Each structure stands twice: as C-alpha cells, then as structure tokens.
C-alpha cells in the first residue's frame, strides 16, 4: 500500500485504518511480483568488467533479450537463481529489485539469467550502495523487507519524523546501503508517544473519544494511546 500522503496531524482517522490493513495489501502485491525472501549468500562468479556496466536506466533500455520485452511473462529456473546465489551479486538482490520494480525472488531469477547469458546488470558487483536511488525506490525497499507498520512508526517517532513518507524513504535508504534499521529504545519519551499517535493516523477527535473512554484528559489519553501503539497494541476505536 502506498502511504505517500501520510503526514502528522493531517492524515485523519481513515489513514490509521488503512495502515492497519497494510498486511493484506502487501500480500496482494507479493502475489503479483513474487514472494519476498532474503538476499542469499555470497558466491564466486567473475565480476563483469567496469566497461560493460551501464547505468540502471541505460542497462535495461539497451537489453535485447526477451525478458525486457515481456517481463510479465518471464519465468526463471532454479538454475537461474543458483547462478545468482553463486555470483558476487548475491548480497544485492534488494538493490536490483527496487531498480527493476520487482519482488526480491523475481529479481534473483532475472539477475541469474542475465549473468548466465553474459548480459550486464545495472551496476557492477559490489557497487549497489553507490547507486543514486529515488525516494520511491527507497520506500519500495522498505516495503519489500517488512510489512510491520508498528515497527516503522516506532522508528519514525524516535527519529522525530513529522511524516511517514520521508521516514520510510530514510529507512529504505539504510537497507539499500546494507545497513540495519535502528533497534527501538527500551523506554520511549512522551514526545515519542505524541508523535506516534499522529504518525499512526489518529486525530484530535480520536483523542477526545479515547479521553471519554478512559475517563481522563485528552493529553493523558494521547500519551496512553501512544504507549499502546509503541507496544504494538491496537486502540479501542
């Protein structure tokens, strides 16, 4: 699901509901692009020479193989995936997937077929982290590796993000740089609780409803709700 319009204090109650349906949406996306798996193990095929490496856009534009003309119908074999797993690109499946706009497993098969056919990939082996990715590609990287909205919201809140759109791009950029997302702190501040309430799509009206339900003032209701969200609990709304 694309949440590119989510912003603190402006997304409304419907956005919060949309986020809580993210698992179902991503499951549908995975059915189209192929299942999402890890990046595989490093192997030992020869690295294409730098003179044969094109930019991401130019590489696909110059391809004459049938895959580039009928990507939707292309299928790849275990031999293709094995060729990829044994190549120096084995740790760069996610990077290839976001460039091609596919699932990770599909990208592994496509890359393996190209490697076996001697067709250059969008970047030289070991150079995936030097590619200039777009914000959309960075967000796709996050989508391909996690469907846990709670985890995304927690990181965004701790970072002090004011909207999920930029936070998701920043998280995706870390993954494309082969870095791990930061672990959540053991204790969250009141500011974290307030931010995650808004980042999750809840509004002042929701705070009033919670305050009435919990018999407290709205600020205390927001703090309690934020704590529940940071603990990955659902709110009674």
C-alpha atoms as a PDB file:
ATOM      1  CA  UNK A   1       0.000   0.000   0.000  1.00  0.00           C
ATOM      2  CA  UNK A   2       1.231   3.435  -0.859  1.00  0.00           C
ATOM      3  CA  UNK A   3       1.174   5.776   2.174  1.00  0.00           C
ATOM      4  CA  UNK A   4       2.984   8.622   0.459  1.00  0.00           C
ATOM      5  CA  UNK A   5       0.380  11.166   1.586  1.00  0.00           C
ATOM      6  CA  UNK A   6       0.582  10.322   5.302  1.00  0.00           C
ATOM      7  CA  UNK A   7       1.532  13.279   7.469  1.00  0.00           C
ATOM      8  CA  UNK A   8       1.398  14.185  11.136  1.00  0.00           C
ATOM      9  CA  UNK A   9      -1.897  15.726  12.163  1.00  0.00           C
ATOM     10  CA  UNK A  10      -3.360  15.689   8.659  1.00  0.00           C
ATOM     11  CA  UNK A  11      -3.878  12.076   7.670  1.00  0.00           C
ATOM     12  CA  UNK A  12      -7.156  11.600   9.526  1.00  0.00           C
ATOM     13  CA  UNK A  13      -8.806   8.563  11.050  1.00  0.00           C
ATOM     14  CA  UNK A  14      -9.169   6.791   7.691  1.00  0.00           C
ATOM     15  CA  UNK A  15      -5.397   6.739   7.271  1.00  0.00           C
ATOM     16  CA  UNK A  16      -4.972   4.882  10.548  1.00  0.00           C
ATOM     17  CA  UNK A  17      -7.437   2.246   9.316  1.00  0.00           C
ATOM     18  CA  UNK A  18      -5.572   1.991   6.034  1.00  0.00           C
ATOM     19  CA  UNK A  19      -2.314   1.326   7.848  1.00  0.00           C
ATOM     20  CA  UNK A  20      -3.884  -1.458   9.836  1.00  0.00           C
ATOM     21  CA  UNK A  21      -4.837  -3.115   6.544  1.00  0.00           C
ATOM     22  CA  UNK A  22      -1.270  -2.879   5.190  1.00  0.00           C
ATOM     23  CA  UNK A  23      -0.556  -6.581   5.663  1.00  0.00           C
ATOM     24  CA  UNK A  24      -3.416  -7.569   3.326  1.00  0.00           C
ATOM     25  CA  UNK A  25      -2.375  -5.047   0.707  1.00  0.00           C
ATOM     26  CA  UNK A  26       1.249  -6.108   0.667  1.00  0.00           C
ATOM     27  CA  UNK A  27       0.165  -9.740   0.445  1.00  0.00           C
ATOM     28  CA  UNK A  28      -1.672  -8.905  -2.787  1.00  0.00           C
ATOM     29  CA  UNK A  29       1.370  -7.058  -4.101  1.00  0.00           C
ATOM     30  CA  UNK A  30       3.554 -10.048  -3.330  1.00  0.00           C
ATOM     31  CA  UNK A  31       1.229 -12.291  -5.351  1.00  0.00           C
ATOM     32  CA  UNK A  32       1.930 -10.131  -8.394  1.00  0.00           C
ATOM     33  CA  UNK A  33       5.668  -9.633  -8.005  1.00  0.00           C
ATOM     34  CA  UNK A  34       6.661 -12.922  -6.421  1.00  0.00           C
ATOM     35  CA  UNK A  35       7.376 -13.857  -2.834  1.00  0.00           C
ATOM     36  CA  UNK A  36       9.861 -11.821  -0.864  1.00  0.00           C
ATOM     37  CA  UNK A  37      12.907 -13.596   0.526  1.00  0.00           C
ATOM     38  CA  UNK A  38      16.347 -12.734   1.858  1.00  0.00           C
ATOM     39  CA  UNK A  39      19.386 -11.677  -0.059  1.00  0.00           C
ATOM     40  CA  UNK A  40      21.209 -15.038  -0.292  1.00  0.00           C
ATOM     41  CA  UNK A  41      24.855 -15.973   0.209  1.00  0.00           C
ATOM     42  CA  UNK A  42      27.956 -14.502  -1.383  1.00  0.00           C
ATOM     43  CA  UNK A  43      29.386 -16.592  -4.243  1.00  0.00           C
ATOM     44  CA  UNK A  44      32.309 -16.575  -6.622  1.00  0.00           C
ATOM     45  CA  UNK A  45      31.487 -15.966 -10.308  1.00  0.00           C
ATOM     46  CA  UNK A  46      33.634 -13.461 -12.127  1.00  0.00           C
ATOM     47  CA  UNK A  47      32.630  -9.803 -11.801  1.00  0.00           C
ATOM     48  CA  UNK A  48      31.643  -8.110 -15.083  1.00  0.00           C
ATOM     49  CA  UNK A  49      34.260  -5.607 -16.156  1.00  0.00           C
ATOM     50  CA  UNK A  50      33.530  -1.965 -15.448  1.00  0.00           C
ATOM     51  CA  UNK A  51      33.416  -1.217 -19.165  1.00  0.00           C
ATOM     52  CA  UNK A  52      30.390  -3.483 -19.551  1.00  0.00           C
ATOM     53  CA  UNK A  53      28.379  -1.920 -16.721  1.00  0.00           C
ATOM     54  CA  UNK A  54      25.651   0.546 -17.673  1.00  0.00           C
ATOM     55  CA  UNK A  55      23.603   2.885 -15.531  1.00  0.00           C
ATOM     56  CA  UNK A  56      20.340   1.396 -14.161  1.00  0.00           C
ATOM     57  CA  UNK A  57      18.229   3.103 -16.819  1.00  0.00           C
ATOM     58  CA  UNK A  58      20.624   2.553 -19.703  1.00  0.00           C
ATOM     59  CA  UNK A  59      21.200  -1.114 -18.926  1.00  0.00           C
ATOM     60  CA  UNK A  60      17.549  -2.080 -19.202  1.00  0.00           C
ATOM     61  CA  UNK A  61      16.962   0.213 -22.177  1.00  0.00           C
ATOM     62  CA  UNK A  62      19.753  -1.491 -24.144  1.00  0.00           C
ATOM     63  CA  UNK A  63      18.696  -5.071 -23.457  1.00  0.00           C
ATOM     64  CA  UNK A  64      17.618  -7.144 -26.422  1.00  0.00           C
ATOM     65  CA  UNK A  65      16.689 -10.328 -24.566  1.00  0.00           C
ATOM     66  CA  UNK A  66      13.070 -11.414 -24.420  1.00  0.00           C
ATOM     67  CA  UNK A  67      12.776 -10.697 -20.693  1.00  0.00           C
ATOM     68  CA  UNK A  68      12.911  -6.957 -21.247  1.00  0.00           C
ATOM     69  CA  UNK A  69      10.092  -7.164 -23.797  1.00  0.00           C
ATOM     70  CA  UNK A  70       7.741  -9.461 -21.857  1.00  0.00           C
ATOM     71  CA  UNK A  71       8.703  -9.111 -18.210  1.00  0.00           C
ATOM     72  CA  UNK A  72       5.215 -10.045 -17.058  1.00  0.00           C
ATOM     73  CA  UNK A  73       5.513 -13.435 -18.793  1.00  0.00           C
ATOM     74  CA  UNK A  74       9.138 -14.128 -17.914  1.00  0.00           C
ATOM     75  CA  UNK A  75       9.851 -17.093 -15.681  1.00  0.00           C
ATOM     76  CA  UNK A  76      13.149 -18.153 -14.192  1.00  0.00           C
ATOM     77  CA  UNK A  77      14.517 -21.532 -13.240  1.00  0.00           C
ATOM     78  CA  UNK A  78      16.290 -22.901 -10.216  1.00  0.00           C
ATOM     79  CA  UNK A  79      19.444 -22.777 -12.331  1.00  0.00           C
ATOM     80  CA  UNK A  80      18.963 -19.019 -12.805  1.00  0.00           C
ATOM     81  CA  UNK A  81      18.580 -18.480  -9.072  1.00  0.00           C
ATOM     82  CA  UNK A  82      21.555 -20.731  -8.382  1.00  0.00           C
ATOM     83  CA  UNK A  83      23.660 -18.700 -10.801  1.00  0.00           C
ATOM     84  CA  UNK A  84      22.702 -15.572  -8.898  1.00  0.00           C
ATOM     85  CA  UNK A  85      23.398 -17.124  -5.482  1.00  0.00           C
ATOM     86  CA  UNK A  86      26.874 -18.145  -6.677  1.00  0.00           C
ATOM     87  CA  UNK A  87      27.654 -14.701  -8.070  1.00  0.00           C
ATOM     88  CA  UNK A  88      29.244 -11.638  -6.460  1.00  0.00           C
ATOM     89  CA  UNK A  89      25.780 -10.017  -6.661  1.00  0.00           C
ATOM     90  CA  UNK A  90      24.263 -12.424  -4.128  1.00  0.00           C
ATOM     91  CA  UNK A  91      24.011  -9.760  -1.414  1.00  0.00           C
ATOM     92  CA  UNK A  92      22.466  -7.188  -3.754  1.00  0.00           C
ATOM     93  CA  UNK A  93      19.092  -8.724  -4.645  1.00  0.00           C
ATOM     94  CA  UNK A  94      17.128  -5.996  -2.856  1.00  0.00           C
ATOM     95  CA  UNK A  95      19.024  -3.296  -4.742  1.00  0.00           C
ATOM     96  CA  UNK A  96      18.255  -4.973  -8.062  1.00  0.00           C
ATOM     97  CA  UNK A  97      14.612  -5.482  -7.094  1.00  0.00           C
ATOM     98  CA  UNK A  98      13.997  -1.783  -6.450  1.00  0.00           C
ATOM     99  CA  UNK A  99      15.708  -0.779  -9.692  1.00  0.00           C
ATOM    100  CA  UNK A 100      13.608  -3.255 -11.681  1.00  0.00           C
ATOM    101  CA  UNK A 101      10.467  -2.696  -9.597  1.00  0.00           C
ATOM    102  CA  UNK A 102      10.031  -6.394  -8.807  1.00  0.00           C
ATOM    103  CA  UNK A 103       9.964  -8.743  -5.852  1.00  0.00           C
ATOM    104  CA  UNK A 104      13.299  -9.889  -4.457  1.00  0.00           C
ATOM    105  CA  UNK A 105      12.955 -13.521  -5.586  1.00  0.00           C
ATOM    106  CA  UNK A 106      11.978 -12.461  -9.095  1.00  0.00           C
ATOM    107  CA  UNK A 107      14.997 -10.132  -9.216  1.00  0.00           C
ATOM    108  CA  UNK A 108      17.268 -13.007  -8.189  1.00  0.00           C
ATOM    109  CA  UNK A 109      15.996 -15.137 -11.066  1.00  0.00           C
ATOM    110  CA  UNK A 110      16.223 -12.307 -13.582  1.00  0.00           C
ATOM    111  CA  UNK A 111      19.744 -11.395 -12.492  1.00  0.00           C
ATOM    112  CA  UNK A 112      20.869 -15.019 -12.579  1.00  0.00           C
ATOM    113  CA  UNK A 113      19.554 -15.446 -16.119  1.00  0.00           C
ATOM    114  CA  UNK A 114      21.384 -12.324 -17.234  1.00  0.00           C
ATOM    115  CA  UNK A 115      24.602 -13.397 -15.562  1.00  0.00           C
ATOM    116  CA  UNK A 116      24.415 -16.802 -17.255  1.00  0.00           C
ATOM    117  CA  UNK A 117      23.779 -15.099 -20.609  1.00  0.00           C
ATOM    118  CA  UNK A 118      26.630 -12.620 -20.141  1.00  0.00           C
ATOM    119  CA  UNK A 119      24.258  -9.631 -20.018  1.00  0.00           C
ATOM    120  CA  UNK A 120      25.474  -6.806 -17.742  1.00  0.00           C
ATOM    121  CA  UNK A 121      23.427  -5.840 -14.697  1.00  0.00           C
ATOM    122  CA  UNK A 122      22.544  -2.229 -13.786  1.00  0.00           C
ATOM    123  CA  UNK A 123      25.665  -1.835 -11.625  1.00  0.00           C
ATOM    124  CA  UNK A 124      28.962  -3.621 -11.074  1.00  0.00           C
ATOM    125  CA  UNK A 125      29.126  -6.205  -8.311  1.00  0.00           C
ATOM    126  CA  UNK A 126      29.850  -4.528  -5.003  1.00  0.00           C
ATOM    127  CA  UNK A 127      28.664  -1.135  -6.256  1.00  0.00           C
ATOM    128  CA  UNK A 128      24.990  -1.365  -5.260  1.00  0.00           C
ATOM    129  CA  UNK A 129      25.403   1.112  -2.416  1.00  0.00           C
ATOM    130  CA  UNK A 130      26.813   3.773  -4.749  1.00  0.00           C
ATOM    131  CA  UNK A 131      23.671   3.957  -6.910  1.00  0.00           C
ATOM    132  CA  UNK A 132      21.536   7.102  -6.546  1.00  0.00           C
ATOM    133  CA  UNK A 133      18.115   5.689  -5.604  1.00  0.00           C
ATOM    134  CA  UNK A 134      14.929   7.710  -5.807  1.00  0.00           C
ATOM    135  CA  UNK A 135      12.689   8.194  -2.747  1.00  0.00           C
ATOM    136  CA  UNK A 136      10.129   5.859  -4.344  1.00  0.00           C
ATOM    137  CA  UNK A 137      12.789   3.166  -4.716  1.00  0.00           C
ATOM    138  CA  UNK A 138      13.847   3.675  -1.096  1.00  0.00           C
ATOM    139  CA  UNK A 139      10.252   3.248   0.095  1.00  0.00           C
ATOM    140  CA  UNK A 140       9.902   0.146  -2.082  1.00  0.00           C
ATOM    141  CA  UNK A 141      12.988  -1.327  -0.413  1.00  0.00           C
ATOM    142  CA  UNK A 142      11.280  -0.966   2.956  1.00  0.00           C
ATOM    143  CA  UNK A 143       8.065  -2.496   1.620  1.00  0.00           C
ATOM    144  CA  UNK A 144       9.964  -5.487   0.228  1.00  0.00           C
ATOM    145  CA  UNK A 145      11.610  -6.245   3.550  1.00  0.00           C
ATOM    146  CA  UNK A 146       8.885  -5.563   6.134  1.00  0.00           C
ATOM    147  CA  UNK A 147       5.121  -5.181   6.471  1.00  0.00           C
ATOM    148  CA  UNK A 148       5.293  -4.217  10.146  1.00  0.00           C
ATOM    149  CA  UNK A 149       3.702  -0.782  10.333  1.00  0.00           C
ATOM    150  CA  UNK A 150       4.177  -0.644  14.092  1.00  0.00           C
ATOM    151  CA  UNK A 151       7.927  -1.031  13.675  1.00  0.00           C
ATOM    152  CA  UNK A 152       8.035   1.698  11.040  1.00  0.00           C
ATOM    153  CA  UNK A 153       6.013   4.070  13.205  1.00  0.00           C
ATOM    154  CA  UNK A 154       8.213   3.418  16.234  1.00  0.00           C
ATOM    155  CA  UNK A 155      11.402   4.232  14.337  1.00  0.00           C
ATOM    156  CA  UNK A 156       9.814   7.330  12.778  1.00  0.00           C
ATOM    157  CA  UNK A 157       8.660   8.553  16.186  1.00  0.00           C
ATOM    158  CA  UNK A 158      12.083   8.098  17.780  1.00  0.00           C
ATOM    159  CA  UNK A 159      13.709   9.889  14.834  1.00  0.00           C
ATOM    160  CA  UNK A 160      11.390  12.836  15.422  1.00  0.00           C
ATOM    161  CA  UNK A 161       9.877  12.483  11.948  1.00  0.00           C
ATOM    162  CA  UNK A 162       6.863  14.630  11.144  1.00  0.00           C
ATOM    163  CA  UNK A 163       5.597  12.347   8.362  1.00  0.00           C
ATOM    164  CA  UNK A 164       5.877   8.676   7.461  1.00  0.00           C
ATOM    165  CA  UNK A 165       6.642   9.341   3.815  1.00  0.00           C
ATOM    166  CA  UNK A 166      10.108  10.764   4.445  1.00  0.00           C
ATOM    167  CA  UNK A 167      10.743   8.367   7.332  1.00  0.00           C
ATOM    168  CA  UNK A 168      10.057   5.342   5.149  1.00  0.00           C
ATOM    169  CA  UNK A 169      12.398   6.680   2.457  1.00  0.00           C
ATOM    170  CA  UNK A 170      15.128   7.189   5.051  1.00  0.00           C
ATOM    171  CA  UNK A 171      14.664   3.659   6.397  1.00  0.00           C
ATOM    172  CA  UNK A 172      14.732   2.233   2.878  1.00  0.00           C
ATOM    173  CA  UNK A 173      17.943   4.110   2.140  1.00  0.00           C
ATOM    174  CA  UNK A 174      19.582   2.369   5.098  1.00  0.00           C
ATOM    175  CA  UNK A 175      18.522  -1.026   3.784  1.00  0.00           C
ATOM    176  CA  UNK A 176      19.818  -0.229   0.293  1.00  0.00           C
ATOM    177  CA  UNK A 177      23.110   0.786   1.904  1.00  0.00           C
ATOM    178  CA  UNK A 178      23.165  -2.685   3.526  1.00  0.00           C
ATOM    179  CA  UNK A 179      22.670  -1.223   6.994  1.00  0.00           C
ATOM    180  CA  UNK A 180      20.262  -2.375   9.696  1.00  0.00           C
ATOM    181  CA  UNK A 181      17.365  -0.311  10.970  1.00  0.00           C
ATOM    182  CA  UNK A 182      17.935   1.022  14.490  1.00  0.00           C
ATOM    183  CA  UNK A 183      16.520  -1.008  17.356  1.00  0.00           C
ATOM    184  CA  UNK A 184      13.761   0.757  19.331  1.00  0.00           C
ATOM    185  CA  UNK A 185      14.791   2.163  22.717  1.00  0.00           C
ATOM    186  CA  UNK A 186      13.889   0.372  25.928  1.00  0.00           C
ATOM    187  CA  UNK A 187      11.932   3.422  27.102  1.00  0.00           C
ATOM    188  CA  UNK A 188      10.002   5.891  24.942  1.00  0.00           C
ATOM    189  CA  UNK A 189       9.657   9.571  25.803  1.00  0.00           C
ATOM    190  CA  UNK A 190       6.359  11.460  25.996  1.00  0.00           C
ATOM    191  CA  UNK A 191       7.327  13.183  22.741  1.00  0.00           C
ATOM    192  CA  UNK A 192       7.708   9.763  21.090  1.00  0.00           C
ATOM    193  CA  UNK A 193       4.217   8.822  22.296  1.00  0.00           C
ATOM    194  CA  UNK A 194       2.663  12.006  20.954  1.00  0.00           C
ATOM    195  CA  UNK A 195       4.426  11.643  17.595  1.00  0.00           C
ATOM    196  CA  UNK A 196       3.459   8.005  17.071  1.00  0.00           C
ATOM    197  CA  UNK A 197      -0.183   8.866  17.778  1.00  0.00           C
ATOM    198  CA  UNK A 198      -0.199  11.359  14.910  1.00  0.00           C
ATOM    199  CA  UNK A 199       2.005   9.258  12.632  1.00  0.00           C
ATOM    200  CA  UNK A 200      -0.440   6.377  13.023  1.00  0.00           C
ATOM    201  CA  UNK A 201      -3.199   8.493  11.531  1.00  0.00           C
ATOM    202  CA  UNK A 202      -5.116   9.419  14.690  1.00  0.00           C
ATOM    203  CA  UNK A 203      -6.591  12.896  15.160  1.00  0.00           C
ATOM    204  CA  UNK A 204      -7.712  15.253  17.923  1.00  0.00           C
ATOM    205  CA  UNK A 205     -11.226  13.824  17.564  1.00  0.00           C
ATOM    206  CA  UNK A 206      -9.838  10.366  18.304  1.00  0.00           C
ATOM    207  CA  UNK A 207      -8.046  11.752  21.347  1.00  0.00           C
ATOM    208  CA  UNK A 208     -11.348  13.167  22.645  1.00  0.00           C
ATOM    209  CA  UNK A 209     -13.057   9.799  22.138  1.00  0.00           C
ATOM    210  CA  UNK A 210     -10.271   7.994  23.977  1.00  0.00           C
ATOM    211  CA  UNK A 211     -10.330  10.517  26.798  1.00  0.00           C
ATOM    212  CA  UNK A 212     -14.035   9.828  27.282  1.00  0.00           C
ATOM    213  CA  UNK A 213     -13.495   6.082  27.134  1.00  0.00           C
ATOM    214  CA  UNK A 214     -10.614   6.155  29.592  1.00  0.00           C
ATOM    215  CA  UNK A 215     -12.089   8.911  31.774  1.00  0.00           C
ATOM    216  CA  UNK A 216      -9.088  11.208  31.514  1.00  0.00           C
ATOM    217  CA  UNK A 217      -7.994  14.436  29.791  1.00  0.00           C
ATOM    218  CA  UNK A 218      -7.069  14.433  26.106  1.00  0.00           C
ATOM    219  CA  UNK A 219      -3.327  14.885  26.631  1.00  0.00           C
ATOM    220  CA  UNK A 220      -3.170  11.939  29.001  1.00  0.00           C
ATOM    221  CA  UNK A 221      -5.262   9.945  26.538  1.00  0.00           C
ATOM    222  CA  UNK A 222      -2.782  10.693  23.743  1.00  0.00           C
ATOM    223  CA  UNK A 223       0.148   9.612  25.913  1.00  0.00           C
ATOM    224  CA  UNK A 224      -1.593   6.398  26.871  1.00  0.00           C
ATOM    225  CA  UNK A 225      -2.590   5.725  23.264  1.00  0.00           C
ATOM    226  CA  UNK A 226       0.963   6.428  22.077  1.00  0.00           C
ATOM    227  CA  UNK A 227       2.335   3.975  24.626  1.00  0.00           C
ATOM    228  CA  UNK A 228      -0.123   1.344  23.410  1.00  0.00           C
ATOM    229  CA  UNK A 229       0.872   1.901  19.782  1.00  0.00           C
ATOM    230  CA  UNK A 230       4.582   1.770  20.594  1.00  0.00           C
ATOM    231  CA  UNK A 231       3.890  -1.561  22.325  1.00  0.00           C
ATOM    232  CA  UNK A 232       2.197  -2.719  19.089  1.00  0.00           C
ATOM    233  CA  UNK A 233      -1.276  -2.809  20.640  1.00  0.00           C
ATOM    234  CA  UNK A 234      -4.489  -1.790  18.900  1.00  0.00           C
ATOM    235  CA  UNK A 235      -6.540   1.140  20.218  1.00  0.00           C
ATOM    236  CA  UNK A 236     -10.227   0.668  21.134  1.00  0.00           C
ATOM    237  CA  UNK A 237     -11.514   2.814  18.286  1.00  0.00           C
END
